[in-house]
Amino acid sequence: MCKSGPLLKSESRRSTTIMFSNSSGMLKPPAIEKQLECTMEELCFGCSKKMKVIRVIVKETGQMAQEEELVTINVKPGWKKGTKITFEGLGNERPGAYPADVIFVIAEKRHPLFVREGDDLELTVEISLIHALTGCAISIPLLGGENMTLKIEDIIYPGYEKTIPDQGMPISKGERKRGNLKVTFLVEFPTSLTKEQRSEVINILDDS
């Protein structure tokens, strides 16, 4: 059952909970933190995750018992690694104390193609030397499984980067806005050339 209303809040800053007491003498134990692993696609498009919480409770008879509770976490598009979702009072109970809070901390799984930098995504693409020098139209993968055609007319040199706007991660505080996709090119150089090929390359470069 999902906790909602005042029991659920999202935190963007690190916080520390310590034991404290009030006029009733009740103690508040430290919060229990758990990792919530998400793929980059889940953090981009949002998702709903169900997590099982096992905790100790105090029965009316005063005996201790263990119970399981299933909570639902609605991951919002654009959430970053380290985002915290707090369920108040969902942790272990103990006599004379308030139940502990449970905090789920977003952890981002490594993606095989993309690297996230804030709201931007970075992608590395390999192309042949002839395409780097003469231009090309290549298929670029996008997060989510789609592809787009990117036409390059410039000469691609080491460190050349092309920015594709609005194909990065959603900006959580912006309406329908996304970061950029930054594509860096790696040029595949030939490992060997014949004498004739070397001569042709020299002639071409001498004339440029």
C-alpha atoms as a PDB file:
ATOM      1  CA  MET A   1       0.000   0.000   0.000  1.00  0.00           C
ATOM      2  CA  CYS A   2       1.455   3.357  -1.016  1.00  0.00           C
ATOM      3  CA  LYS A   3       1.941   6.005   1.618  1.00  0.00           C
ATOM      4  CA  SER A   4       0.603   9.344   0.443  1.00  0.00           C
ATOM      5  CA  GLY A   5      -0.201  12.799   1.711  1.00  0.00           C
ATOM      6  CA  PRO A   6       1.918  13.878   4.657  1.00  0.00           C
ATOM      7  CA  LEU A   7       3.687  10.515   4.835  1.00  0.00           C
ATOM      8  CA  LEU A   8       5.516  10.949   1.519  1.00  0.00           C
ATOM      9  CA  LYS A   9       7.924  13.690   0.640  1.00  0.00           C
ATOM     10  CA  SER A  10      10.852  14.099  -1.737  1.00  0.00           C
ATOM     11  CA  GLU A  11      14.160  15.515  -0.613  1.00  0.00           C
ATOM     12  CA  SER A  12      16.960  16.906  -2.761  1.00  0.00           C
ATOM     13  CA  ARG A  13      19.388  17.648   0.068  1.00  0.00           C
ATOM     14  CA  ARG A  14      21.238  15.324   2.352  1.00  0.00           C
ATOM     15  CA  SER A  15      19.728  15.189   5.811  1.00  0.00           C
ATOM     16  CA  THR A  16      20.565  13.435   9.040  1.00  0.00           C
ATOM     17  CA  THR A  17      18.038  12.283  11.616  1.00  0.00           C
ATOM     18  CA  ILE A  18      19.208  11.822  15.200  1.00  0.00           C
ATOM     19  CA  MET A  19      17.545  10.422  18.302  1.00  0.00           C
ATOM     20  CA  PHE A  20      15.579  13.107  20.112  1.00  0.00           C
ATOM     21  CA  SER A  21      13.012  13.332  22.841  1.00  0.00           C
ATOM     22  CA  ASN A  22      10.082  15.613  23.543  1.00  0.00           C
ATOM     23  CA  SER A  23       7.877  16.351  26.531  1.00  0.00           C
ATOM     24  CA  SER A  24       6.324  12.893  26.253  1.00  0.00           C
ATOM     25  CA  GLY A  25       9.748  11.269  26.523  1.00  0.00           C
ATOM     26  CA  MET A  26       9.324   9.544  23.157  1.00  0.00           C
ATOM     27  CA  LEU A  27      12.477   8.970  21.107  1.00  0.00           C
ATOM     28  CA  LYS A  28      12.897   9.251  17.346  1.00  0.00           C
ATOM     29  CA  PRO A  29      15.458   6.751  15.977  1.00  0.00           C
ATOM     30  CA  PRO A  30      17.631   7.467  12.932  1.00  0.00           C
ATOM     31  CA  ALA A  31      16.017   6.962   9.543  1.00  0.00           C
ATOM     32  CA  ILE A  32      16.699   3.771   7.591  1.00  0.00           C
ATOM     33  CA  GLU A  33      18.075   4.392   4.080  1.00  0.00           C
ATOM     34  CA  LYS A  34      17.556   1.965   1.201  1.00  0.00           C
ATOM     35  CA  GLN A  35      18.762   2.216  -2.389  1.00  0.00           C
ATOM     36  CA  LEU A  36      16.212   2.377  -5.188  1.00  0.00           C
ATOM     37  CA  GLU A  37      17.946   1.398  -8.428  1.00  0.00           C
ATOM     38  CA  CYS A  38      16.537   2.915 -11.619  1.00  0.00           C
ATOM     39  CA  THR A  39      17.587   2.661 -15.245  1.00  0.00           C
ATOM     40  CA  MET A  40      18.267   5.838 -17.183  1.00  0.00           C
ATOM     41  CA  GLU A  41      15.092   5.200 -19.177  1.00  0.00           C
ATOM     42  CA  GLU A  42      13.049   5.020 -15.953  1.00  0.00           C
ATOM     43  CA  LEU A  43      14.525   8.302 -14.767  1.00  0.00           C
ATOM     44  CA  CYS A  44      13.849   9.873 -18.164  1.00  0.00           C
ATOM     45  CA  PHE A  45      10.262   8.817 -18.725  1.00  0.00           C
ATOM     46  CA  GLY A  46       9.160   8.090 -15.152  1.00  0.00           C
ATOM     47  CA  CYS A  47       7.878   4.834 -13.755  1.00  0.00           C
ATOM     48  CA  SER A  48       6.128   3.230 -10.795  1.00  0.00           C
ATOM     49  CA  LYS A  49       8.129   0.913  -8.560  1.00  0.00           C
ATOM     50  CA  LYS A  50       6.833  -1.352  -5.814  1.00  0.00           C
ATOM     51  CA  MET A  51       9.209  -1.964  -2.913  1.00  0.00           C
ATOM     52  CA  LYS A  52       8.823  -4.421  -0.041  1.00  0.00           C
ATOM     53  CA  VAL A  53       9.609  -3.128   3.431  1.00  0.00           C
ATOM     54  CA  ILE A  54      10.196  -5.635   6.229  1.00  0.00           C
ATOM     55  CA  ARG A  55       9.980  -4.104   9.695  1.00  0.00           C
ATOM     56  CA  VAL A  56       9.551  -4.931  13.356  1.00  0.00           C
ATOM     57  CA  ILE A  57       6.328  -3.795  15.021  1.00  0.00           C
ATOM     58  CA  VAL A  58       5.045  -3.752  18.587  1.00  0.00           C
ATOM     59  CA  LYS A  59       1.732  -5.537  19.057  1.00  0.00           C
ATOM     60  CA  GLU A  60      -0.971  -4.411  21.486  1.00  0.00           C
ATOM     61  CA  THR A  61       0.202  -7.167  23.801  1.00  0.00           C
ATOM     62  CA  GLY A  62       3.661  -5.604  23.864  1.00  0.00           C
ATOM     63  CA  GLN A  63       5.206  -8.480  21.905  1.00  0.00           C
ATOM     64  CA  MET A  64       7.523  -7.799  18.965  1.00  0.00           C
ATOM     65  CA  ALA A  65       6.612  -9.175  15.540  1.00  0.00           C
ATOM     66  CA  GLN A  66       7.797  -8.841  11.967  1.00  0.00           C
ATOM     67  CA  GLU A  67       5.589  -7.678   9.113  1.00  0.00           C
ATOM     68  CA  GLU A  68       5.933  -6.894   5.440  1.00  0.00           C
ATOM     69  CA  GLU A  69       4.475  -3.882   3.667  1.00  0.00           C
ATOM     70  CA  LEU A  70       4.467  -3.113  -0.049  1.00  0.00           C
ATOM     71  CA  VAL A  71       4.902   0.551  -0.954  1.00  0.00           C
ATOM     72  CA  THR A  72       4.618   2.234  -4.343  1.00  0.00           C
ATOM     73  CA  ILE A  73       7.067   4.912  -5.432  1.00  0.00           C
ATOM     74  CA  ASN A  74       6.179   7.052  -8.427  1.00  0.00           C
ATOM     75  CA  VAL A  75       9.497   8.021  -9.996  1.00  0.00           C
ATOM     76  CA  LYS A  76       9.165  11.423 -11.686  1.00  0.00           C
ATOM     77  CA  PRO A  77      10.818  12.182 -15.061  1.00  0.00           C
ATOM     78  CA  GLY A  78      14.117  13.976 -14.529  1.00  0.00           C
ATOM     79  CA  TRP A  79      14.898  12.702 -11.036  1.00  0.00           C
ATOM     80  CA  LYS A  80      18.628  12.488 -10.389  1.00  0.00           C
ATOM     81  CA  LYS A  81      20.885  10.123  -8.506  1.00  0.00           C
ATOM     82  CA  GLY A  82      20.652  10.919  -4.801  1.00  0.00           C
ATOM     83  CA  THR A  83      17.031  12.076  -4.829  1.00  0.00           C
ATOM     84  CA  LYS A  84      15.379  10.963  -1.580  1.00  0.00           C
ATOM     85  CA  ILE A  85      11.824   9.751  -0.997  1.00  0.00           C
ATOM     86  CA  THR A  86      10.835   9.563   2.664  1.00  0.00           C
ATOM     87  CA  PHE A  87       8.127   7.361   4.166  1.00  0.00           C
ATOM     88  CA  GLU A  88       7.573   8.654   7.693  1.00  0.00           C
ATOM     89  CA  GLY A  89       7.079   6.071  10.420  1.00  0.00           C
ATOM     90  CA  LEU A  90       7.484   3.070   8.131  1.00  0.00           C
ATOM     91  CA  GLY A  91      10.554   1.712   9.889  1.00  0.00           C
ATOM     92  CA  ASN A  92      11.059  -0.469  12.943  1.00  0.00           C
ATOM     93  CA  GLU A  93       9.043   0.147  16.077  1.00  0.00           C
ATOM     94  CA  ARG A  94      10.297  -0.134  19.636  1.00  0.00           C
ATOM     95  CA  PRO A  95       8.622   0.463  23.009  1.00  0.00           C
ATOM     96  CA  GLY A  96       8.826   4.077  24.148  1.00  0.00           C
ATOM     97  CA  ALA A  97       9.885   5.413  20.770  1.00  0.00           C
ATOM     98  CA  TYR A  98       8.378   6.681  17.554  1.00  0.00           C
ATOM     99  CA  PRO A  99       8.794   4.344  14.567  1.00  0.00           C
ATOM    100  CA  ALA A 100      11.762   5.140  12.349  1.00  0.00           C
ATOM    101  CA  ASP A 101      11.400   6.736   8.921  1.00  0.00           C
ATOM    102  CA  VAL A 102      12.390   4.850   5.777  1.00  0.00           C
ATOM    103  CA  ILE A 103      14.208   6.799   3.064  1.00  0.00           C
ATOM    104  CA  PHE A 104      14.635   5.461  -0.467  1.00  0.00           C
ATOM    105  CA  VAL A 105      17.633   6.979  -2.274  1.00  0.00           C
ATOM    106  CA  ILE A 106      17.655   6.980  -6.069  1.00  0.00           C
ATOM    107  CA  ALA A 107      20.621   5.110  -7.582  1.00  0.00           C
ATOM    108  CA  GLU A 108      21.184   5.313 -11.343  1.00  0.00           C
ATOM    109  CA  LYS A 109      22.162   2.141 -13.184  1.00  0.00           C
ATOM    110  CA  ARG A 110      24.975   2.419 -15.698  1.00  0.00           C
ATOM    111  CA  HIS A 111      23.779   2.694 -19.296  1.00  0.00           C
ATOM    112  CA  PRO A 112      25.625   0.848 -22.104  1.00  0.00           C
ATOM    113  CA  LEU A 113      25.491   3.869 -24.460  1.00  0.00           C
ATOM    114  CA  PHE A 114      24.772   7.098 -22.627  1.00  0.00           C
ATOM    115  CA  VAL A 115      26.479   8.999 -19.831  1.00  0.00           C
ATOM    116  CA  ARG A 116      24.431  11.499 -17.860  1.00  0.00           C
ATOM    117  CA  GLU A 117      25.828  14.898 -16.917  1.00  0.00           C
ATOM    118  CA  GLY A 118      23.143  16.811 -15.070  1.00  0.00           C
ATOM    119  CA  ASP A 119      20.271  17.225 -17.524  1.00  0.00           C
ATOM    120  CA  ASP A 120      22.452  16.430 -20.556  1.00  0.00           C
ATOM    121  CA  LEU A 121      23.313  13.074 -22.086  1.00  0.00           C
ATOM    122  CA  GLU A 122      26.661  12.227 -23.692  1.00  0.00           C
ATOM    123  CA  LEU A 123      27.126   9.694 -26.493  1.00  0.00           C
ATOM    124  CA  THR A 124      30.287   8.542 -28.273  1.00  0.00           C
ATOM    125  CA  VAL A 125      30.043   7.431 -31.916  1.00  0.00           C
ATOM    126  CA  GLU A 126      32.729   5.873 -34.117  1.00  0.00           C
ATOM    127  CA  ILE A 127      32.960   6.787 -37.814  1.00  0.00           C
ATOM    128  CA  SER A 128      35.411   5.966 -40.574  1.00  0.00           C
ATOM    129  CA  LEU A 129      38.130   8.369 -41.676  1.00  0.00           C
ATOM    130  CA  ILE A 130      36.540   8.858 -45.096  1.00  0.00           C
ATOM    131  CA  HIS A 131      33.250   9.893 -43.482  1.00  0.00           C
ATOM    132  CA  ALA A 132      35.106  12.203 -41.115  1.00  0.00           C
ATOM    133  CA  LEU A 133      36.739  13.979 -44.059  1.00  0.00           C
ATOM    134  CA  THR A 134      33.907  13.978 -46.615  1.00  0.00           C
ATOM    135  CA  GLY A 135      30.805  14.246 -44.449  1.00  0.00           C
ATOM    136  CA  CYS A 136      28.079  11.731 -43.795  1.00  0.00           C
ATOM    137  CA  ALA A 137      24.574  11.053 -42.578  1.00  0.00           C
ATOM    138  CA  ILE A 138      24.563   8.645 -39.658  1.00  0.00           C
ATOM    139  CA  SER A 139      21.906   7.076 -37.482  1.00  0.00           C
ATOM    140  CA  ILE A 140      22.099   8.228 -33.860  1.00  0.00           C
ATOM    141  CA  PRO A 141      20.388   6.196 -31.102  1.00  0.00           C
ATOM    142  CA  LEU A 142      18.147   8.075 -28.703  1.00  0.00           C
ATOM    143  CA  LEU A 143      17.277   7.177 -25.141  1.00  0.00           C
ATOM    144  CA  GLY A 144      14.131   5.086 -25.309  1.00  0.00           C
ATOM    145  CA  GLY A 145      15.050   3.010 -28.366  1.00  0.00           C
ATOM    146  CA  GLU A 146      14.383   5.400 -31.239  1.00  0.00           C
ATOM    147  CA  ASN A 147      16.928   6.653 -33.778  1.00  0.00           C
ATOM    148  CA  MET A 148      17.431   9.906 -35.627  1.00  0.00           C
ATOM    149  CA  THR A 149      19.481  10.759 -38.710  1.00  0.00           C
ATOM    150  CA  LEU A 150      22.261  13.257 -38.101  1.00  0.00           C
ATOM    151  CA  LYS A 151      23.784  14.909 -41.175  1.00  0.00           C
ATOM    152  CA  ILE A 152      27.392  16.066 -40.798  1.00  0.00           C
ATOM    153  CA  GLU A 153      28.910  18.358 -43.440  1.00  0.00           C
ATOM    154  CA  ASP A 154      31.857  19.590 -41.385  1.00  0.00           C
ATOM    155  CA  ILE A 155      35.257  17.920 -41.256  1.00  0.00           C
ATOM    156  CA  ILE A 156      35.284  15.857 -38.093  1.00  0.00           C
ATOM    157  CA  TYR A 157      38.487  16.376 -36.124  1.00  0.00           C
ATOM    158  CA  PRO A 158      39.617  14.878 -32.775  1.00  0.00           C
ATOM    159  CA  GLY A 159      37.344  16.208 -30.056  1.00  0.00           C
ATOM    160  CA  TYR A 160      34.605  17.243 -32.513  1.00  0.00           C
ATOM    161  CA  GLU A 161      31.236  17.423 -30.755  1.00  0.00           C
ATOM    162  CA  LYS A 162      27.717  17.896 -32.068  1.00  0.00           C
ATOM    163  CA  THR A 163      24.924  19.071 -29.775  1.00  0.00           C
ATOM    164  CA  ILE A 164      21.369  17.893 -30.405  1.00  0.00           C
ATOM    165  CA  PRO A 165      18.944  20.057 -28.412  1.00  0.00           C
ATOM    166  CA  ASP A 166      16.046  18.648 -26.391  1.00  0.00           C
ATOM    167  CA  GLN A 167      17.227  15.020 -26.550  1.00  0.00           C
ATOM    168  CA  GLY A 168      18.710  14.864 -23.054  1.00  0.00           C
ATOM    169  CA  MET A 169      17.014  14.175 -19.716  1.00  0.00           C
ATOM    170  CA  PRO A 170      13.826  15.973 -18.663  1.00  0.00           C
ATOM    171  CA  ILE A 171      14.361  19.057 -16.533  1.00  0.00           C
ATOM    172  CA  SER A 172      12.306  18.195 -13.469  1.00  0.00           C
ATOM    173  CA  LYS A 173      11.450  21.831 -12.680  1.00  0.00           C
ATOM    174  CA  GLY A 174      10.681  22.792 -16.264  1.00  0.00           C
ATOM    175  CA  GLU A 175       7.535  22.136 -18.285  1.00  0.00           C
ATOM    176  CA  ARG A 176       8.207  19.899 -21.292  1.00  0.00           C
ATOM    177  CA  LYS A 177      11.871  20.881 -21.357  1.00  0.00           C
ATOM    178  CA  ARG A 178      14.816  18.551 -21.780  1.00  0.00           C
ATOM    179  CA  GLY A 179      18.563  18.867 -21.742  1.00  0.00           C
ATOM    180  CA  ASN A 180      20.805  18.276 -24.739  1.00  0.00           C
ATOM    181  CA  LEU A 181      22.385  15.201 -26.287  1.00  0.00           C
ATOM    182  CA  LYS A 182      26.102  15.775 -26.856  1.00  0.00           C
ATOM    183  CA  VAL A 183      27.601  13.478 -29.493  1.00  0.00           C
ATOM    184  CA  THR A 184      31.390  13.039 -29.536  1.00  0.00           C
ATOM    185  CA  PHE A 185      32.992  11.361 -32.541  1.00  0.00           C
ATOM    186  CA  LEU A 186      35.850   8.897 -32.581  1.00  0.00           C
ATOM    187  CA  VAL A 187      37.519   8.597 -35.986  1.00  0.00           C
ATOM    188  CA  GLU A 188      38.663   5.136 -37.070  1.00  0.00           C
ATOM    189  CA  PHE A 189      42.076   5.479 -38.711  1.00  0.00           C
ATOM    190  CA  PRO A 190      43.426   2.731 -41.006  1.00  0.00           C
ATOM    191  CA  THR A 191      46.122   0.560 -39.491  1.00  0.00           C
ATOM    192  CA  SER A 192      48.117   0.239 -42.749  1.00  0.00           C
ATOM    193  CA  LEU A 193      48.440   1.892 -46.172  1.00  0.00           C
ATOM    194  CA  THR A 194      50.103   0.769 -49.385  1.00  0.00           C
ATOM    195  CA  LYS A 195      52.779   2.945 -51.014  1.00  0.00           C
ATOM    196  CA  GLU A 196      50.272   4.015 -53.642  1.00  0.00           C
ATOM    197  CA  GLN A 197      47.721   5.003 -51.019  1.00  0.00           C
ATOM    198  CA  ARG A 198      50.345   6.952 -49.096  1.00  0.00           C
ATOM    199  CA  SER A 199      51.301   8.828 -52.261  1.00  0.00           C
ATOM    200  CA  GLU A 200      47.659   9.660 -52.967  1.00  0.00           C
ATOM    201  CA  VAL A 201      47.154  10.957 -49.431  1.00  0.00           C
ATOM    202  CA  ILE A 202      50.272  13.122 -49.702  1.00  0.00           C
ATOM    203  CA  ASN A 203      49.123  14.567 -53.034  1.00  0.00           C
ATOM    204  CA  ILE A 204      45.662  15.336 -51.684  1.00  0.00           C
ATOM    205  CA  LEU A 205      46.969  17.010 -48.535  1.00  0.00           C
ATOM    206  CA  ASP A 206      49.631  18.967 -50.438  1.00  0.00           C
ATOM    207  CA  ASP A 207      46.920  20.393 -52.705  1.00  0.00           C
ATOM    208  CA  SER A 208      44.628  21.381 -49.812  1.00  0.00           C
END
